[in-house]
Every structure is written in structure tokens, then in C-alpha cells.
Amino acid sequence: MDIQHTRVTVEINHDVQFSRFHEGEQKGGVQPLAPEVIAIVKAQLEDALLHLEELASRK
């Protein structure tokens, strides 16, 4: 699969708080988050990645 564009978005209480994209050689997206929010988001991202890996291993 040739991936041209990716984006990671953090939504808190139905409101986009952070978005980061990577398209070709371009990267961008900034929005600072408080350290306590980053800790919560990091835990959820780690859990989501584990879930994606689990789903991929079922194929």
C-alpha cells in the first residue's frame, strides 16, 4: 500500500484539540496540550496501537 497522507487527531470532549499530519516530505500541525492531558492522551494512544496490532494479527 502506497501511503501518501497520514493524520493523527486528538479529540477531547468532541472538540479537536490537536492534529498532526505527514504528507510526503511535509509535516505539520501544532497545538500545545497541558502535561496532564498529554499523559491521558499518551495512555489512550498506546492502548489504541495495541488494539490495532491485535486486529492485524487476527487476519
PDB file of N, CA and C in Angstrom:
ATOM      1  N   MET A   1       0.845  -1.170   0.000  1.00  0.00           N
ATOM      2  CA  MET A   1       0.000   0.000   0.000  1.00  0.00           C
ATOM      3  C   MET A   1       0.896   1.241   0.000  1.00  0.00           C
ATOM      4  N   ASP A   2       0.640   2.135  -0.919  1.00  0.00           N
ATOM      5  CA  ASP A   2       1.375   3.390  -1.004  1.00  0.00           C
ATOM      6  C   ASP A   2       0.622   4.443  -0.192  1.00  0.00           C
ATOM      7  N   ILE A   3       1.183   4.837   0.925  1.00  0.00           N
ATOM      8  CA  ILE A   3       0.521   5.802   1.804  1.00  0.00           C
ATOM      9  C   ILE A   3       1.045   7.194   1.490  1.00  0.00           C
ATOM     10  N   GLN A   4       0.157   8.060   1.063  1.00  0.00           N
ATOM     11  CA  GLN A   4       0.513   9.425   0.684  1.00  0.00           C
ATOM     12  C   GLN A   4       0.328  10.427   1.827  1.00  0.00           C
ATOM     13  N   HIS A   5      -0.624  10.151   2.683  1.00  0.00           N
ATOM     14  CA  HIS A   5      -1.002  11.137   3.695  1.00  0.00           C
ATOM     15  C   HIS A   5      -1.462  10.421   4.959  1.00  0.00           C
ATOM     16  N   THR A   6      -0.976  10.866   6.103  1.00  0.00           N
ATOM     17  CA  THR A   6      -1.470  10.359   7.383  1.00  0.00           C
ATOM     18  C   THR A   6      -1.775  11.544   8.291  1.00  0.00           C
ATOM     19  N   ARG A   7      -2.685  11.324   9.219  1.00  0.00           N
ATOM     20  CA  ARG A   7      -3.026  12.368  10.187  1.00  0.00           C
ATOM     21  C   ARG A   7      -3.404  11.696  11.502  1.00  0.00           C
ATOM     22  N   VAL A   8      -2.925  12.266  12.583  1.00  0.00           N
ATOM     23  CA  VAL A   8      -3.311  11.844  13.923  1.00  0.00           C
ATOM     24  C   VAL A   8      -4.048  13.019  14.553  1.00  0.00           C
ATOM     25  N   THR A   9      -5.227  12.741  15.062  1.00  0.00           N
ATOM     26  CA  THR A   9      -6.055  13.792  15.648  1.00  0.00           C
ATOM     27  C   THR A   9      -6.403  13.410  17.079  1.00  0.00           C
ATOM     28  N   VAL A  10      -6.307  14.368  17.976  1.00  0.00           N
ATOM     29  CA  VAL A  10      -6.720  14.167  19.362  1.00  0.00           C
ATOM     30  C   VAL A  10      -7.976  14.995  19.586  1.00  0.00           C
ATOM     31  N   GLU A  11      -9.028  14.298  19.955  1.00  0.00           N
ATOM     32  CA  GLU A  11     -10.309  14.947  20.210  1.00  0.00           C
ATOM     33  C   GLU A  11     -10.641  14.770  21.686  1.00  0.00           C
ATOM     34  N   ILE A  12     -10.976  15.853  22.346  1.00  0.00           N
ATOM     35  CA  ILE A  12     -11.336  15.811  23.760  1.00  0.00           C
ATOM     36  C   ILE A  12     -12.714  16.441  23.898  1.00  0.00           C
ATOM     37  N   ASN A  13     -13.618  15.693  24.495  1.00  0.00           N
ATOM     38  CA  ASN A  13     -14.997  16.165  24.664  1.00  0.00           C
ATOM     39  C   ASN A  13     -15.591  16.652  23.341  1.00  0.00           C
ATOM     40  N   HIS A  14     -15.387  15.851  22.296  1.00  0.00           N
ATOM     41  CA  HIS A  14     -15.935  16.114  20.958  1.00  0.00           C
ATOM     42  C   HIS A  14     -15.363  17.368  20.294  1.00  0.00           C
ATOM     43  N   ASP A  15     -14.198  17.813  20.747  1.00  0.00           N
ATOM     44  CA  ASP A  15     -13.566  19.001  20.181  1.00  0.00           C
ATOM     45  C   ASP A  15     -12.121  18.656  19.822  1.00  0.00           C
ATOM     46  N   VAL A  16     -11.722  18.893  18.578  1.00  0.00           N
ATOM     47  CA  VAL A  16     -10.353  18.594  18.155  1.00  0.00           C
ATOM     48  C   VAL A  16      -9.397  19.530  18.888  1.00  0.00           C
ATOM     49  N   GLN A  17      -8.467  18.928  19.622  1.00  0.00           N
ATOM     50  CA  GLN A  17      -7.501  19.690  20.396  1.00  0.00           C
ATOM     51  C   GLN A  17      -6.114  19.679  19.768  1.00  0.00           C
ATOM     52  N   PHE A  18      -5.841  18.659  18.953  1.00  0.00           N
ATOM     53  CA  PHE A  18      -4.517  18.521  18.350  1.00  0.00           C
ATOM     54  C   PHE A  18      -4.658  17.731  17.062  1.00  0.00           C
ATOM     55  N   SER A  19      -3.905  18.119  16.061  1.00  0.00           N
ATOM     56  CA  SER A  19      -3.892  17.389  14.804  1.00  0.00           C
ATOM     57  C   SER A  19      -2.495  17.501  14.214  1.00  0.00           C
ATOM     58  N   ARG A  20      -1.951  16.388  13.782  1.00  0.00           N
ATOM     59  CA  ARG A  20      -0.607  16.362  13.192  1.00  0.00           C
ATOM     60  C   ARG A  20      -0.685  15.553  11.914  1.00  0.00           C
ATOM     61  N   PHE A  21      -0.142  16.098  10.821  1.00  0.00           N
ATOM     62  CA  PHE A  21      -0.194  15.382   9.554  1.00  0.00           C
ATOM     63  C   PHE A  21       1.201  15.156   9.008  1.00  0.00           C
ATOM     64  N   HIS A  22       1.278  14.197   8.114  1.00  0.00           N
ATOM     65  CA  HIS A  22       2.510  13.892   7.384  1.00  0.00           C
ATOM     66  C   HIS A  22       2.090  13.586   5.957  1.00  0.00           C
ATOM     67  N   GLU A  23       2.518  14.429   5.048  1.00  0.00           N
ATOM     68  CA  GLU A  23       2.176  14.252   3.639  1.00  0.00           C
ATOM     69  C   GLU A  23       3.443  14.441   2.820  1.00  0.00           C
ATOM     70  N   GLY A  24       3.939  13.335   2.269  1.00  0.00           N
ATOM     71  CA  GLY A  24       5.195  13.396   1.532  1.00  0.00           C
ATOM     72  C   GLY A  24       6.310  13.872   2.443  1.00  0.00           C
ATOM     73  N   GLU A  25       6.980  14.929   2.048  1.00  0.00           N
ATOM     74  CA  GLU A  25       8.059  15.493   2.858  1.00  0.00           C
ATOM     75  C   GLU A  25       7.554  16.531   3.858  1.00  0.00           C
ATOM     76  N   GLN A  26       6.281  16.858   3.794  1.00  0.00           N
ATOM     77  CA  GLN A  26       5.730  17.890   4.672  1.00  0.00           C
ATOM     78  C   GLN A  26       5.150  17.281   5.936  1.00  0.00           C
ATOM     79  N   LYS A  27       5.408  17.945   7.041  1.00  0.00           N
ATOM     80  CA  LYS A  27       4.817  17.586   8.325  1.00  0.00           C
ATOM     81  C   LYS A  27       4.309  18.869   8.945  1.00  0.00           C
ATOM     82  N   GLY A  28       3.260  18.778   9.704  1.00  0.00           N
ATOM     83  CA  GLY A  28       2.768  19.987  10.336  1.00  0.00           C
ATOM     84  C   GLY A  28       1.668  19.728  11.327  1.00  0.00           C
ATOM     85  N   GLY A  29       1.318  20.768  12.014  1.00  0.00           N
ATOM     86  CA  GLY A  29       0.259  20.693  12.999  1.00  0.00           C
ATOM     87  C   GLY A  29       0.805  21.015  14.376  1.00  0.00           C
ATOM     88  N   VAL A  30       0.278  22.029  14.963  1.00  0.00           N
ATOM     89  CA  VAL A  30       0.711  22.390  16.308  1.00  0.00           C
ATOM     90  C   VAL A  30      -0.494  22.798  17.131  1.00  0.00           C
ATOM     91  N   GLN A  31      -0.468  22.437  18.342  1.00  0.00           N
ATOM     92  CA  GLN A  31      -1.460  22.850  19.323  1.00  0.00           C
ATOM     93  C   GLN A  31      -0.955  22.311  20.654  1.00  0.00           C
ATOM     94  N   PRO A  32      -0.448  23.161  21.513  1.00  0.00           N
ATOM     95  CA  PRO A  32       0.080  22.662  22.780  1.00  0.00           C
ATOM     96  C   PRO A  32      -1.029  22.096  23.667  1.00  0.00           C
ATOM     97  N   LEU A  33      -0.681  21.053  24.383  1.00  0.00           N
ATOM     98  CA  LEU A  33      -1.594  20.454  25.350  1.00  0.00           C
ATOM     99  C   LEU A  33      -0.923  20.483  26.716  1.00  0.00           C
ATOM    100  N   ALA A  34      -1.711  20.591  27.752  1.00  0.00           N
ATOM    101  CA  ALA A  34      -1.186  20.585  29.115  1.00  0.00           C
ATOM    102  C   ALA A  34      -0.570  19.221  29.419  1.00  0.00           C
ATOM    103  N   PRO A  35       0.487  19.186  30.239  1.00  0.00           N
ATOM    104  CA  PRO A  35       1.155  17.915  30.555  1.00  0.00           C
ATOM    105  C   PRO A  35       0.210  16.834  31.078  1.00  0.00           C
ATOM    106  N   GLU A  36      -0.766  17.203  31.896  1.00  0.00           N
ATOM    107  CA  GLU A  36      -1.686  16.190  32.429  1.00  0.00           C
ATOM    108  C   GLU A  36      -2.591  15.637  31.328  1.00  0.00           C
ATOM    109  N   VAL A  37      -2.909  16.452  30.345  1.00  0.00           N
ATOM    110  CA  VAL A  37      -3.701  15.992  29.202  1.00  0.00           C
ATOM    111  C   VAL A  37      -2.847  15.085  28.321  1.00  0.00           C
ATOM    112  N   ILE A  38      -1.595  15.444  28.130  1.00  0.00           N
ATOM    113  CA  ILE A  38      -0.682  14.618  27.333  1.00  0.00           C
ATOM    114  C   ILE A  38      -0.571  13.222  27.935  1.00  0.00           C
ATOM    115  N   ALA A  39      -0.494  13.118  29.247  1.00  0.00           N
ATOM    116  CA  ALA A  39      -0.388  11.811  29.899  1.00  0.00           C
ATOM    117  C   ALA A  39      -1.612  10.950  29.602  1.00  0.00           C
ATOM    118  N   ILE A  40      -2.785  11.544  29.641  1.00  0.00           N
ATOM    119  CA  ILE A  40      -4.020  10.802  29.354  1.00  0.00           C
ATOM    120  C   ILE A  40      -4.057  10.383  27.893  1.00  0.00           C
ATOM    121  N   VAL A  41      -3.724  11.316  27.005  1.00  0.00           N
ATOM    122  CA  VAL A  41      -3.731  11.031  25.570  1.00  0.00           C
ATOM    123  C   VAL A  41      -2.711   9.951  25.237  1.00  0.00           C
ATOM    124  N   LYS A  42      -1.535  10.016  25.843  1.00  0.00           N
ATOM    125  CA  LYS A  42      -0.489   9.022  25.587  1.00  0.00           C
ATOM    126  C   LYS A  42      -0.974   7.622  25.960  1.00  0.00           C
ATOM    127  N   ALA A  43      -1.623   7.496  27.101  1.00  0.00           N
ATOM    128  CA  ALA A  43      -2.144   6.194  27.522  1.00  0.00           C
ATOM    129  C   ALA A  43      -3.182   5.679  26.530  1.00  0.00           C
ATOM    130  N   GLN A  44      -4.044   6.556  26.041  1.00  0.00           N
ATOM    131  CA  GLN A  44      -5.061   6.128  25.082  1.00  0.00           C
ATOM    132  C   GLN A  44      -4.443   5.760  23.738  1.00  0.00           C
ATOM    133  N   LEU A  45      -3.419   6.515  23.311  1.00  0.00           N
ATOM    134  CA  LEU A  45      -2.740   6.183  22.055  1.00  0.00           C
ATOM    135  C   LEU A  45      -2.048   4.827  22.148  1.00  0.00           C
ATOM    136  N   GLU A  46      -1.392   4.566  23.272  1.00  0.00           N
ATOM    137  CA  GLU A  46      -0.735   3.269  23.458  1.00  0.00           C
ATOM    138  C   GLU A  46      -1.756   2.143  23.411  1.00  0.00           C
ATOM    139  N   ASP A  47      -2.902   2.339  24.064  1.00  0.00           N
ATOM    140  CA  ASP A  47      -3.959   1.333  24.053  1.00  0.00           C
ATOM    141  C   ASP A  47      -4.505   1.132  22.640  1.00  0.00           C
ATOM    142  N   ALA A  48      -4.684   2.224  21.902  1.00  0.00           N
ATOM    143  CA  ALA A  48      -5.186   2.127  20.529  1.00  0.00           C
ATOM    144  C   ALA A  48      -4.204   1.383  19.633  1.00  0.00           C
ATOM    145  N   LEU A  49      -2.904   1.649  19.790  1.00  0.00           N
ATOM    146  CA  LEU A  49      -1.899   0.943  18.990  1.00  0.00           C
ATOM    147  C   LEU A  49      -1.893  -0.548  19.303  1.00  0.00           C
ATOM    148  N   LEU A  50      -2.013  -0.896  20.566  1.00  0.00           N
ATOM    149  CA  LEU A  50      -2.092  -2.314  20.927  1.00  0.00           C
ATOM    150  C   LEU A  50      -3.315  -2.963  20.291  1.00  0.00           C
ATOM    151  N   HIS A  51      -4.427  -2.256  20.285  1.00  0.00           N
ATOM    152  CA  HIS A  51      -5.651  -2.783  19.678  1.00  0.00           C
ATOM    153  C   HIS A  51      -5.472  -2.972  18.171  1.00  0.00           C
ATOM    154  N   LEU A  52      -4.841  -2.001  17.501  1.00  0.00           N
ATOM    155  CA  LEU A  52      -4.578  -2.135  16.061  1.00  0.00           C
ATOM    156  C   LEU A  52      -3.695  -3.345  15.772  1.00  0.00           C
ATOM    157  N   GLU A  53      -2.674  -3.537  16.586  1.00  0.00           N
ATOM    158  CA  GLU A  53      -1.786  -4.692  16.398  1.00  0.00           C
ATOM    159  C   GLU A  53      -2.540  -5.995  16.616  1.00  0.00           C
ATOM    160  N   GLU A  54      -3.419  -6.011  17.607  1.00  0.00           N
ATOM    161  CA  GLU A  54      -4.230  -7.202  17.872  1.00  0.00           C
ATOM    162  C   GLU A  54      -5.147  -7.504  16.690  1.00  0.00           C
ATOM    163  N   LEU A  55      -5.790  -6.479  16.156  1.00  0.00           N
ATOM    164  CA  LEU A  55      -6.663  -6.673  14.999  1.00  0.00           C
ATOM    165  C   LEU A  55      -5.879  -7.180  13.796  1.00  0.00           C
ATOM    166  N   ALA A  56      -4.689  -6.638  13.574  1.00  0.00           N
ATOM    167  CA  ALA A  56      -3.864  -7.055  12.437  1.00  0.00           C
ATOM    168  C   ALA A  56      -3.426  -8.505  12.573  1.00  0.00           C
ATOM    169  N   SER A  57      -3.195  -8.958  13.794  1.00  0.00           N
ATOM    170  CA  SER A  57      -2.737 -10.336  13.990  1.00  0.00           C
ATOM    171  C   SER A  57      -3.859 -11.348  13.774  1.00  0.00           C
ATOM    172  N   ARG A  58      -5.098 -10.914  13.771  1.00  0.00           N
ATOM    173  CA  ARG A  58      -6.243 -11.813  13.554  1.00  0.00           C
ATOM    174  C   ARG A  58      -6.452 -12.145  12.086  1.00  0.00           C
ATOM    175  N   LYS A  59      -5.854 -11.353  11.196  1.00  0.00           N
ATOM    176  CA  LYS A  59      -6.069 -11.562   9.756  1.00  0.00           C
ATOM    177  C   LYS A  59      -5.406 -12.818   9.279  1.00  0.00           C
TER     178      LYS A  59
END
